[in-house]
Amino acid sequence: MTPLRKDTIATRSLLINTAEKLFAEKGVESTTLFDVFKASGLKNRSALQYHFKDKHGLINAVLNKHSESVAKLRSEMLNELEHRDSHTLYDVIRAIVIPMATQLENPDGGEEFIQLHSQLMVSKQYRELRAQRPEYMEEKIRIMTMIRPFLATEKPVEKMIACSPLFDSLLIHGLARYKDCSDQVSREVYLHTIIQAIVDLLMQPHKVA
């Protein structure tokens, strides 16, 4: 494969960074490809189609900018737990939360990345895009396997499926809202609260009244 030229790489990065900012400011559904093109300051309107084909491709490119480092750290933390003699459910959930939370400290669009995830979760038009990403499916299987032994129920799969929407909401929406109270709550306390809330959710008795 022929390496991309430096100016081609620069153009692609500019479009991704511009889209990332606009998605956070205006919302992913309200932002058009023309909005991104106009805000980028580029003259060649076909650059967006050349690099990303369509809006789905652009959204995936923004997610890809951060997802590799998040997945790498999460995999390392889960690997470390698997090599311990023992670990708790809190340890597993912490290994899920912390890698995503590190993006709050990333000055290169980290907060915008989390905001985009939060938007995609409630977007009728784009939420399936997030759920169908390869790393999301691979992580989900591994995480469910590690959580399962801690669930006091004869139907652990049903329990995890039932908890999944709230699990995602506590993680993604919780991180997206941190900025609103960061002047009143330390990050350590805030992240502990998210982790413990997910643990408590999973440990609830699996009973139907």
Protein backbone atom coordinates (compact mmCIF):
# COMPACT_ATOMS: atom_id res chain seq x y z
CA MET A 1 0.00 0.00 0.00
CA THR A 2 1.34 3.42 -0.97
CA PRO A 3 1.95 5.63 2.10
CA LEU A 4 -0.30 8.68 2.36
CA ARG A 5 1.31 12.02 1.56
CA LYS A 6 1.89 14.41 4.45
CA ASP A 7 -0.61 16.92 3.09
CA THR A 8 -3.21 14.16 2.71
CA ILE A 9 -2.68 13.09 6.32
CA ALA A 10 -2.90 16.72 7.46
CA THR A 11 -6.17 17.24 5.57
CA ARG A 12 -7.68 14.09 7.06
CA SER A 13 -6.64 15.10 10.58
CA LEU A 14 -8.04 18.60 10.10
CA LEU A 15 -11.42 17.22 9.05
CA ILE A 16 -11.52 14.76 11.96
CA ASN A 17 -10.62 17.42 14.51
CA THR A 18 -13.14 19.85 13.04
CA ALA A 19 -15.90 17.24 13.08
CA GLU A 20 -15.01 16.24 16.63
CA LYS A 21 -15.43 19.81 17.82
CA LEU A 22 -18.67 20.42 15.91
CA PHE A 23 -20.25 17.16 17.06
CA ALA A 24 -19.61 18.22 20.67
CA GLU A 25 -20.87 21.79 20.15
CA LYS A 26 -23.85 21.28 17.82
CA GLY A 27 -24.66 17.61 18.24
CA VAL A 28 -23.90 14.73 15.92
CA GLU A 29 -27.35 14.71 14.30
CA SER A 30 -27.41 18.49 13.76
CA THR A 31 -23.95 18.67 12.20
CA THR A 32 -23.83 18.20 8.43
CA LEU A 33 -20.87 17.33 6.24
CA PHE A 34 -21.13 20.82 4.77
CA ASP A 35 -20.82 22.28 8.30
CA VAL A 36 -17.58 20.34 8.75
CA PHE A 37 -16.27 21.39 5.35
CA LYS A 38 -17.08 25.05 5.97
CA ALA A 39 -15.57 25.11 9.46
CA SER A 40 -12.41 23.35 8.26
CA GLY A 41 -11.51 26.21 5.93
CA LEU A 42 -10.67 23.81 3.10
CA LYS A 43 -11.41 24.74 -0.49
CA ASN A 44 -11.89 21.26 -1.91
CA ARG A 45 -15.35 20.09 -0.85
CA SER A 46 -14.75 16.59 -2.23
CA ALA A 47 -12.09 15.99 0.44
CA LEU A 48 -14.71 14.75 2.90
CA GLN A 49 -16.07 12.16 0.50
CA TYR A 50 -12.55 11.12 -0.52
CA HIS A 51 -11.43 10.45 3.05
CA PHE A 52 -14.64 9.23 4.71
CA LYS A 53 -17.25 8.52 1.98
CA ASP A 54 -20.15 9.63 4.19
CA LYS A 55 -21.11 10.85 7.65
CA HIS A 56 -20.95 7.36 9.13
CA GLY A 57 -17.36 7.11 7.94
CA LEU A 58 -16.54 10.47 9.49
CA ILE A 59 -18.07 9.51 12.84
CA ASN A 60 -16.10 6.26 12.84
CA ALA A 61 -12.91 8.20 12.07
CA VAL A 62 -13.50 10.47 15.08
CA LEU A 63 -14.07 7.42 17.29
CA ASN A 64 -11.01 5.68 15.86
CA LYS A 65 -8.86 8.63 16.87
CA HIS A 66 -9.26 7.63 20.52
CA SER A 67 -10.63 4.07 20.65
CA GLU A 68 -7.31 2.30 20.06
CA SER A 69 -5.63 3.82 23.11
CA VAL A 70 -8.73 3.21 25.25
CA ALA A 71 -8.96 -0.43 24.14
CA LYS A 72 -5.22 -0.97 24.67
CA LEU A 73 -5.26 0.31 28.25
CA ARG A 74 -8.44 -1.62 29.04
CA SER A 75 -6.93 -4.83 27.68
CA GLU A 76 -3.78 -4.30 29.75
CA MET A 77 -5.81 -3.72 32.92
CA LEU A 78 -7.99 -6.79 32.31
CA ASN A 79 -4.90 -8.88 31.54
CA GLU A 80 -3.37 -7.81 34.84
CA LEU A 81 -6.50 -8.90 36.70
CA GLU A 82 -6.53 -12.28 34.98
CA HIS A 83 -2.97 -12.93 36.17
CA ARG A 84 -3.80 -12.15 39.80
CA ASP A 85 -4.60 -14.91 42.27
CA SER A 86 -7.93 -13.20 42.86
CA HIS A 87 -9.83 -10.04 42.04
CA THR A 88 -13.18 -8.47 42.82
CA LEU A 89 -16.08 -7.29 40.69
CA TYR A 90 -15.05 -3.74 41.62
CA ASP A 91 -11.62 -4.43 40.10
CA VAL A 92 -13.20 -5.58 36.83
CA ILE A 93 -15.51 -2.57 36.60
CA ARG A 94 -12.63 -0.25 37.42
CA ALA A 95 -10.69 -1.73 34.49
CA ILE A 96 -13.66 -0.90 32.26
CA VAL A 97 -14.21 2.65 33.52
CA ILE A 98 -10.68 4.03 33.95
CA PRO A 99 -9.47 3.67 30.33
CA MET A 100 -12.44 5.68 29.07
CA ALA A 101 -12.06 8.17 31.92
CA THR A 102 -8.46 8.90 30.89
CA GLN A 103 -9.91 10.72 27.89
CA LEU A 104 -11.13 13.44 30.25
CA GLU A 105 -7.45 14.39 30.58
CA ASN A 106 -6.72 14.23 26.85
CA PRO A 107 -6.44 17.80 25.50
CA ASP A 108 -6.67 16.54 21.93
CA GLY A 109 -10.42 16.00 21.83
CA GLY A 110 -10.80 13.60 24.75
CA GLU A 111 -13.86 15.28 26.26
CA GLU A 112 -15.41 15.62 22.80
CA PHE A 113 -14.87 11.88 22.24
CA ILE A 114 -16.82 11.07 25.39
CA GLN A 115 -19.55 13.56 24.45
CA LEU A 116 -19.85 11.88 21.04
CA HIS A 117 -20.24 8.45 22.66
CA SER A 118 -22.93 9.91 24.91
CA GLN A 119 -24.79 11.36 21.93
CA LEU A 120 -24.55 8.16 19.89
CA MET A 121 -26.14 6.15 22.70
CA VAL A 122 -29.40 8.13 22.43
CA SER A 123 -29.35 8.81 18.69
CA LYS A 124 -31.98 6.86 16.76
CA GLN A 125 -30.01 7.47 13.59
CA TYR A 126 -26.51 6.54 14.75
CA ARG A 127 -26.66 4.40 17.91
CA GLU A 128 -26.30 1.14 15.94
CA LEU A 129 -23.06 2.49 14.48
CA ARG A 130 -21.52 2.53 17.95
CA ALA A 131 -22.85 -0.91 18.89
CA GLN A 132 -21.54 -2.50 15.68
CA ARG A 133 -17.94 -1.33 16.02
CA PRO A 134 -15.59 -4.37 16.11
CA GLU A 135 -13.76 -3.43 19.30
CA TYR A 136 -17.10 -2.89 21.07
CA MET A 137 -18.24 -6.45 20.31
CA GLU A 138 -14.88 -8.05 21.20
CA GLU A 139 -14.67 -6.16 24.49
CA LYS A 140 -18.28 -6.96 25.34
CA ILE A 141 -17.70 -10.72 25.13
CA ARG A 142 -14.56 -10.57 27.27
CA ILE A 143 -16.13 -8.28 29.85
CA MET A 144 -19.25 -10.44 30.16
CA THR A 145 -17.04 -13.50 30.69
CA MET A 146 -15.15 -11.78 33.52
CA ILE A 147 -18.28 -10.39 35.19
CA ARG A 148 -20.32 -13.58 35.02
CA PRO A 149 -18.71 -15.45 37.98
CA PHE A 150 -19.66 -12.65 40.37
CA LEU A 151 -23.38 -12.70 39.59
CA ALA A 152 -25.50 -14.54 42.16
CA THR A 153 -28.12 -15.78 39.71
CA GLU A 154 -28.96 -18.89 37.74
CA LYS A 155 -29.47 -16.69 34.68
CA PRO A 156 -26.30 -14.57 34.44
CA VAL A 157 -26.67 -13.83 30.73
CA GLU A 158 -30.22 -12.54 31.20
CA LYS A 159 -29.01 -10.47 34.16
CA MET A 160 -26.20 -8.87 32.16
CA ILE A 161 -28.46 -8.11 29.21
CA ALA A 162 -31.00 -6.53 31.56
CA CYS A 163 -28.28 -4.39 33.16
CA SER A 164 -26.53 -3.44 29.92
CA PRO A 165 -28.46 -0.21 29.12
CA LEU A 166 -27.99 1.17 32.64
CA PHE A 167 -24.37 -0.04 32.73
CA ASP A 168 -23.63 1.95 29.56
CA SER A 169 -25.55 4.97 30.82
CA LEU A 170 -23.70 5.10 34.13
CA LEU A 171 -20.36 4.80 32.35
CA ILE A 172 -20.77 7.02 29.29
CA HIS A 173 -23.35 9.58 30.43
CA GLY A 174 -21.68 9.68 33.83
CA LEU A 175 -18.30 10.60 32.35
CA ALA A 176 -19.92 13.08 29.97
CA ARG A 177 -21.44 14.93 32.93
CA TYR A 178 -18.26 15.14 35.02
CA LYS A 179 -17.37 18.59 33.73
CA ASP A 180 -20.64 19.94 35.17
CA CYS A 181 -19.50 19.25 38.73
CA SER A 182 -15.71 19.04 38.44
CA ASP A 183 -15.29 22.17 40.56
CA GLN A 184 -17.17 20.53 43.45
CA VAL A 185 -16.17 16.87 43.26
CA SER A 186 -12.71 15.38 42.84
CA ARG A 187 -12.21 13.08 39.86
CA GLU A 188 -11.20 10.24 42.20
CA VAL A 189 -14.47 10.46 44.14
CA TYR A 190 -16.53 10.87 40.97
CA LEU A 191 -15.00 7.82 39.27
CA HIS A 192 -15.37 5.73 42.43
CA THR A 193 -19.05 6.68 42.49
CA ILE A 194 -19.54 5.52 38.89
CA ILE A 195 -17.66 2.26 39.48
CA GLN A 196 -19.53 1.48 42.71
CA ALA A 197 -22.89 2.32 41.11
CA ILE A 198 -22.22 -0.20 38.32
CA VAL A 199 -21.14 -2.83 40.87
CA ASP A 200 -24.31 -2.23 42.90
CA LEU A 201 -26.42 -2.48 39.75
CA LEU A 202 -24.93 -5.86 38.86
CA MET A 203 -25.22 -7.18 42.42
CA GLN A 204 -28.92 -6.42 42.78
CA PRO A 205 -31.01 -9.58 43.38
CA HIS A 206 -32.24 -10.98 40.07
CA LYS A 207 -35.88 -11.34 41.11
CA VAL A 208 -39.20 -10.37 39.60
CA ALA A 209 -41.87 -9.29 42.08
